[in-house]
Amino acid sequence: MKLSTLRIAASYALFFAARLGAGQSVVLTLSPLETHADKTVQLKLFLNAPSSSAPAGLQWTFRVPPGLDIVNIEAGEAVKTAGKTLVCNGAKCIVYGLNRTTIPNGPVAILKVKVHQSVVGRERAVHLEYPTQARTKKPEIRIDDAIAASLDGKAIPVARGTLSRPIR
């Protein structure tokens, strides 16, 4: 088996383990990176929640390290299906709607990031990942300050999935 296949399998195993231990919480997870020729990468932010605690609204902040710039953030299919709106001010995003629908599981946002040449050299790869230890030396894209709200305005716990992808 290829190392990349093992990494993907391990990432999904961690995701499902976190999901099982989270109880009724909402889980937000970044997809694998899609690298483009124009020195940009694209990631999707996925929502996974039990139907009994599907959120009606979400808020989060993307934390992007120096050398990476957010080019665009757009609504994912789950937001569109729910008839909600995604609004971002820089890296801080909120999903809201003046309706009584919840957001289904699936992509809630699509993040496009420009990678500066100074960050990615010809002979090395930069890894973007959630921190697994208190201090990591690798540049990372994180989801911070995540909040979910139910239809009646109550807070729903939010957990983060963990994925790591190299940019080449």
C-alpha atoms as a PDB file:
ATOM      1  CA  MET A   1       0.000   0.000   0.000  1.00  0.00           C
ATOM      2  CA  LYS A   2       1.253   3.482  -0.761  1.00  0.00           C
ATOM      3  CA  LEU A   3       2.162   5.768   2.130  1.00  0.00           C
ATOM      4  CA  SER A   4      -0.351   8.395   0.956  1.00  0.00           C
ATOM      5  CA  THR A   5      -3.132   5.769   0.993  1.00  0.00           C
ATOM      6  CA  LEU A   6      -2.178   4.817   4.547  1.00  0.00           C
ATOM      7  CA  ARG A   7      -2.223   8.470   5.603  1.00  0.00           C
ATOM      8  CA  ILE A   8      -5.695   8.932   4.159  1.00  0.00           C
ATOM      9  CA  ALA A   9      -6.934   5.758   5.855  1.00  0.00           C
ATOM     10  CA  ALA A  10      -5.407   6.860   9.181  1.00  0.00           C
ATOM     11  CA  SER A  11      -6.987  10.305   8.832  1.00  0.00           C
ATOM     12  CA  TYR A  12     -10.413   8.806   8.270  1.00  0.00           C
ATOM     13  CA  ALA A  13      -9.929   6.441  11.214  1.00  0.00           C
ATOM     14  CA  LEU A  14      -9.085   9.426  13.443  1.00  0.00           C
ATOM     15  CA  PHE A  15     -12.092  11.295  12.096  1.00  0.00           C
ATOM     16  CA  PHE A  16     -14.472   8.444  12.916  1.00  0.00           C
ATOM     17  CA  ALA A  17     -12.883   7.868  16.334  1.00  0.00           C
ATOM     18  CA  ALA A  18     -13.330  11.553  17.149  1.00  0.00           C
ATOM     19  CA  ARG A  19     -16.874  11.360  15.861  1.00  0.00           C
ATOM     20  CA  LEU A  20     -17.767   8.378  18.048  1.00  0.00           C
ATOM     21  CA  GLY A  21     -16.298  10.007  21.115  1.00  0.00           C
ATOM     22  CA  ALA A  22     -17.962  13.327  20.462  1.00  0.00           C
ATOM     23  CA  GLY A  23     -21.495  12.179  21.280  1.00  0.00           C
ATOM     24  CA  GLN A  24     -23.932  14.739  19.954  1.00  0.00           C
ATOM     25  CA  SER A  25     -21.330  17.233  18.784  1.00  0.00           C
ATOM     26  CA  VAL A  26     -20.848  18.793  15.389  1.00  0.00           C
ATOM     27  CA  VAL A  27     -17.575  17.862  13.666  1.00  0.00           C
ATOM     28  CA  LEU A  28     -15.794  20.196  11.228  1.00  0.00           C
ATOM     29  CA  THR A  29     -13.059  18.680   9.050  1.00  0.00           C
ATOM     30  CA  LEU A  30     -10.854  20.041   6.286  1.00  0.00           C
ATOM     31  CA  SER A  31     -10.647  17.965   3.117  1.00  0.00           C
ATOM     32  CA  PRO A  32      -7.417  16.878   1.465  1.00  0.00           C
ATOM     33  CA  LEU A  33      -5.659  19.692  -0.408  1.00  0.00           C
ATOM     34  CA  GLU A  34      -6.184  20.147  -4.108  1.00  0.00           C
ATOM     35  CA  THR A  35      -3.067  21.788  -5.544  1.00  0.00           C
ATOM     36  CA  HIS A  36      -3.426  23.938  -8.656  1.00  0.00           C
ATOM     37  CA  ALA A  37      -0.845  25.110 -11.205  1.00  0.00           C
ATOM     38  CA  ASP A  38      -1.371  28.780 -10.252  1.00  0.00           C
ATOM     39  CA  LYS A  39       0.277  28.175  -6.827  1.00  0.00           C
ATOM     40  CA  THR A  40      -3.054  27.914  -5.049  1.00  0.00           C
ATOM     41  CA  VAL A  41      -4.574  25.154  -3.002  1.00  0.00           C
ATOM     42  CA  GLN A  42      -8.223  24.450  -2.389  1.00  0.00           C
ATOM     43  CA  LEU A  43      -9.739  22.854   0.701  1.00  0.00           C
ATOM     44  CA  LYS A  44     -13.313  22.092   1.626  1.00  0.00           C
ATOM     45  CA  LEU A  45     -14.661  22.454   5.131  1.00  0.00           C
ATOM     46  CA  PHE A  46     -17.025  19.561   5.867  1.00  0.00           C
ATOM     47  CA  LEU A  47     -19.799  19.409   8.448  1.00  0.00           C
ATOM     48  CA  ASN A  48     -20.734  16.103  10.043  1.00  0.00           C
ATOM     49  CA  ALA A  49     -23.450  16.085  12.697  1.00  0.00           C
ATOM     50  CA  PRO A  50     -26.082  13.624  13.874  1.00  0.00           C
ATOM     51  CA  SER A  51     -29.521  14.559  12.563  1.00  0.00           C
ATOM     52  CA  SER A  52     -30.694  15.139  16.131  1.00  0.00           C
ATOM     53  CA  SER A  53     -28.165  17.969  16.558  1.00  0.00           C
ATOM     54  CA  ALA A  54     -27.795  19.367  13.025  1.00  0.00           C
ATOM     55  CA  PRO A  55     -26.975  23.077  13.312  1.00  0.00           C
ATOM     56  CA  ALA A  56     -29.039  25.918  11.893  1.00  0.00           C
ATOM     57  CA  GLY A  57     -26.038  28.254  11.997  1.00  0.00           C
ATOM     58  CA  LEU A  58     -22.238  28.038  12.147  1.00  0.00           C
ATOM     59  CA  GLN A  59     -19.344  30.369  12.789  1.00  0.00           C
ATOM     60  CA  TRP A  60     -15.583  29.779  12.623  1.00  0.00           C
ATOM     61  CA  THR A  61     -12.262  31.433  11.828  1.00  0.00           C
ATOM     62  CA  PHE A  62      -9.660  30.024   9.448  1.00  0.00           C
ATOM     63  CA  ARG A  63      -6.153  30.519  10.859  1.00  0.00           C
ATOM     64  CA  VAL A  64      -3.706  30.772   7.968  1.00  0.00           C
ATOM     65  CA  PRO A  65       0.061  31.053   8.619  1.00  0.00           C
ATOM     66  CA  PRO A  66       2.342  33.684   7.085  1.00  0.00           C
ATOM     67  CA  GLY A  67       3.207  32.910   3.473  1.00  0.00           C
ATOM     68  CA  LEU A  68      -0.350  31.807   2.689  1.00  0.00           C
ATOM     69  CA  ASP A  69      -3.109  34.217   1.684  1.00  0.00           C
ATOM     70  CA  ILE A  70      -6.820  33.513   1.473  1.00  0.00           C
ATOM     71  CA  VAL A  71      -7.918  34.236  -2.093  1.00  0.00           C
ATOM     72  CA  ASN A  72     -11.578  33.215  -1.854  1.00  0.00           C
ATOM     73  CA  ILE A  73     -14.102  31.532   0.434  1.00  0.00           C
ATOM     74  CA  GLU A  74     -17.393  30.390  -1.039  1.00  0.00           C
ATOM     75  CA  ALA A  75     -20.421  28.512   0.215  1.00  0.00           C
ATOM     76  CA  GLY A  76     -20.405  24.739  -0.093  1.00  0.00           C
ATOM     77  CA  GLU A  77     -23.289  22.550  -1.233  1.00  0.00           C
ATOM     78  CA  ALA A  78     -24.602  21.944   2.314  1.00  0.00           C
ATOM     79  CA  VAL A  79     -25.070  25.692   2.883  1.00  0.00           C
ATOM     80  CA  LYS A  80     -26.816  26.128  -0.474  1.00  0.00           C
ATOM     81  CA  THR A  81     -29.091  23.136   0.150  1.00  0.00           C
ATOM     82  CA  ALA A  82     -30.189  24.602   3.497  1.00  0.00           C
ATOM     83  CA  GLY A  83     -30.996  27.951   1.896  1.00  0.00           C
ATOM     84  CA  LYS A  84     -28.429  29.631   4.117  1.00  0.00           C
ATOM     85  CA  THR A  85     -25.855  32.324   3.386  1.00  0.00           C
ATOM     86  CA  LEU A  86     -22.093  32.204   3.999  1.00  0.00           C
ATOM     87  CA  VAL A  87     -20.488  35.551   4.769  1.00  0.00           C
ATOM     88  CA  CYS A  88     -16.796  35.972   5.542  1.00  0.00           C
ATOM     89  CA  ASN A  89     -14.905  39.000   6.784  1.00  0.00           C
ATOM     90  CA  GLY A  90     -11.341  38.020   6.017  1.00  0.00           C
ATOM     91  CA  ALA A  91     -10.909  34.597   7.604  1.00  0.00           C
ATOM     92  CA  LYS A  92     -13.896  34.837   9.992  1.00  0.00           C
ATOM     93  CA  CYS A  93     -17.008  33.193   8.558  1.00  0.00           C
ATOM     94  CA  ILE A  94     -20.639  32.804   9.549  1.00  0.00           C
ATOM     95  CA  VAL A  95     -23.415  30.719   8.034  1.00  0.00           C
ATOM     96  CA  TYR A  96     -26.900  32.042   8.722  1.00  0.00           C
ATOM     97  CA  GLY A  97     -30.378  32.073   7.270  1.00  0.00           C
ATOM     98  CA  LEU A  98     -33.797  33.455   8.010  1.00  0.00           C
ATOM     99  CA  ASN A  99     -35.451  30.070   7.702  1.00  0.00           C
ATOM    100  CA  ARG A 100     -36.207  27.062   9.917  1.00  0.00           C
ATOM    101  CA  THR A 101     -33.923  24.572   8.154  1.00  0.00           C
ATOM    102  CA  THR A 102     -30.806  22.905   9.476  1.00  0.00           C
ATOM    103  CA  ILE A 103     -27.553  22.526   7.583  1.00  0.00           C
ATOM    104  CA  PRO A 104     -27.099  18.993   6.221  1.00  0.00           C
ATOM    105  CA  ASN A 105     -23.832  17.091   6.398  1.00  0.00           C
ATOM    106  CA  GLY A 106     -21.404  17.907   3.609  1.00  0.00           C
ATOM    107  CA  PRO A 107     -19.200  20.783   2.427  1.00  0.00           C
ATOM    108  CA  VAL A 108     -20.092  24.098   4.065  1.00  0.00           C
ATOM    109  CA  ALA A 109     -17.226  26.179   2.659  1.00  0.00           C
ATOM    110  CA  ILE A 110     -14.600  26.029  -0.056  1.00  0.00           C
ATOM    111  CA  LEU A 111     -11.360  27.804   0.825  1.00  0.00           C
ATOM    112  CA  LYS A 112      -8.861  28.838  -1.848  1.00  0.00           C
ATOM    113  CA  VAL A 113      -5.392  29.799  -0.584  1.00  0.00           C
ATOM    114  CA  LYS A 114      -2.429  31.275  -2.479  1.00  0.00           C
ATOM    115  CA  VAL A 115       0.938  29.835  -1.520  1.00  0.00           C
ATOM    116  CA  HIS A 116       3.867  32.244  -1.784  1.00  0.00           C
ATOM    117  CA  GLN A 117       6.985  30.965  -3.530  1.00  0.00           C
ATOM    118  CA  SER A 118       9.032  31.726  -0.418  1.00  0.00           C
ATOM    119  CA  VAL A 119       7.011  29.091   1.478  1.00  0.00           C
ATOM    120  CA  VAL A 120       7.176  26.282  -1.071  1.00  0.00           C
ATOM    121  CA  GLY A 121      10.579  25.736  -2.617  1.00  0.00           C
ATOM    122  CA  ARG A 122      11.359  23.352  -5.449  1.00  0.00           C
ATOM    123  CA  GLU A 123      12.863  20.732  -3.180  1.00  0.00           C
ATOM    124  CA  ARG A 124      10.671  20.779  -0.108  1.00  0.00           C
ATOM    125  CA  ALA A 125       7.029  20.447   0.742  1.00  0.00           C
ATOM    126  CA  VAL A 126       5.105  22.448   3.305  1.00  0.00           C
ATOM    127  CA  HIS A 127       2.571  20.543   5.366  1.00  0.00           C
ATOM    128  CA  LEU A 128      -0.712  22.109   6.356  1.00  0.00           C
ATOM    129  CA  GLU A 129      -2.261  20.369   9.312  1.00  0.00           C
ATOM    130  CA  TYR A 130      -4.150  20.730  12.525  1.00  0.00           C
ATOM    131  CA  PRO A 131      -1.837  20.706  15.521  1.00  0.00           C
ATOM    132  CA  THR A 132      -1.524  17.312  17.156  1.00  0.00           C
ATOM    133  CA  GLN A 133       0.816  18.598  19.825  1.00  0.00           C
ATOM    134  CA  ALA A 134       0.871  21.865  21.738  1.00  0.00           C
ATOM    135  CA  ARG A 135       3.585  23.297  19.504  1.00  0.00           C
ATOM    136  CA  THR A 136       4.235  22.233  15.963  1.00  0.00           C
ATOM    137  CA  LYS A 137       6.884  23.709  13.701  1.00  0.00           C
ATOM    138  CA  LYS A 138       4.982  23.084  10.467  1.00  0.00           C
ATOM    139  CA  PRO A 139       2.792  25.794   8.952  1.00  0.00           C
ATOM    140  CA  GLU A 140      -0.849  24.860   9.430  1.00  0.00           C
ATOM    141  CA  ILE A 141      -4.329  25.914   8.489  1.00  0.00           C
ATOM    142  CA  ARG A 142      -6.606  25.636  11.501  1.00  0.00           C
ATOM    143  CA  ILE A 143     -10.240  26.152  12.292  1.00  0.00           C
ATOM    144  CA  ASP A 144     -10.589  28.181  15.494  1.00  0.00           C
ATOM    145  CA  ASP A 145     -13.440  29.763  17.414  1.00  0.00           C
ATOM    146  CA  ALA A 146     -15.991  27.340  15.954  1.00  0.00           C
ATOM    147  CA  ILE A 147     -19.551  27.766  17.174  1.00  0.00           C
ATOM    148  CA  ALA A 148     -22.727  25.966  16.104  1.00  0.00           C
ATOM    149  CA  ALA A 149     -26.295  26.920  16.960  1.00  0.00           C
ATOM    150  CA  SER A 150     -29.494  24.898  16.937  1.00  0.00           C
ATOM    151  CA  LEU A 151     -32.822  26.071  15.498  1.00  0.00           C
ATOM    152  CA  ASP A 152     -33.813  27.319  18.956  1.00  0.00           C
ATOM    153  CA  GLY A 153     -30.542  29.256  19.356  1.00  0.00           C
ATOM    154  CA  LYS A 154     -28.799  26.883  21.761  1.00  0.00           C
ATOM    155  CA  ALA A 155     -25.088  26.172  21.453  1.00  0.00           C
ATOM    156  CA  ILE A 156     -24.015  22.807  20.038  1.00  0.00           C
ATOM    157  CA  PRO A 157     -20.497  21.519  20.874  1.00  0.00           C
ATOM    158  CA  VAL A 158     -18.083  21.631  17.929  1.00  0.00           C
ATOM    159  CA  ALA A 159     -15.145  19.259  17.494  1.00  0.00           C
ATOM    160  CA  ARG A 160     -12.409  19.465  14.855  1.00  0.00           C
ATOM    161  CA  GLY A 161     -11.360  16.541  12.717  1.00  0.00           C
ATOM    162  CA  THR A 162      -7.668  16.164  11.951  1.00  0.00           C
ATOM    163  CA  LEU A 163      -6.135  15.974   8.494  1.00  0.00           C
ATOM    164  CA  SER A 164      -2.671  16.752   7.169  1.00  0.00           C
ATOM    165  CA  ARG A 165      -1.693  17.296   3.521  1.00  0.00           C
ATOM    166  CA  PRO A 166       1.632  18.327   1.932  1.00  0.00           C
ATOM    167  CA  ILE A 167       1.775  21.066  -0.693  1.00  0.00           C
ATOM    168  CA  ARG A 168       4.251  20.306  -3.436  1.00  0.00           C
END
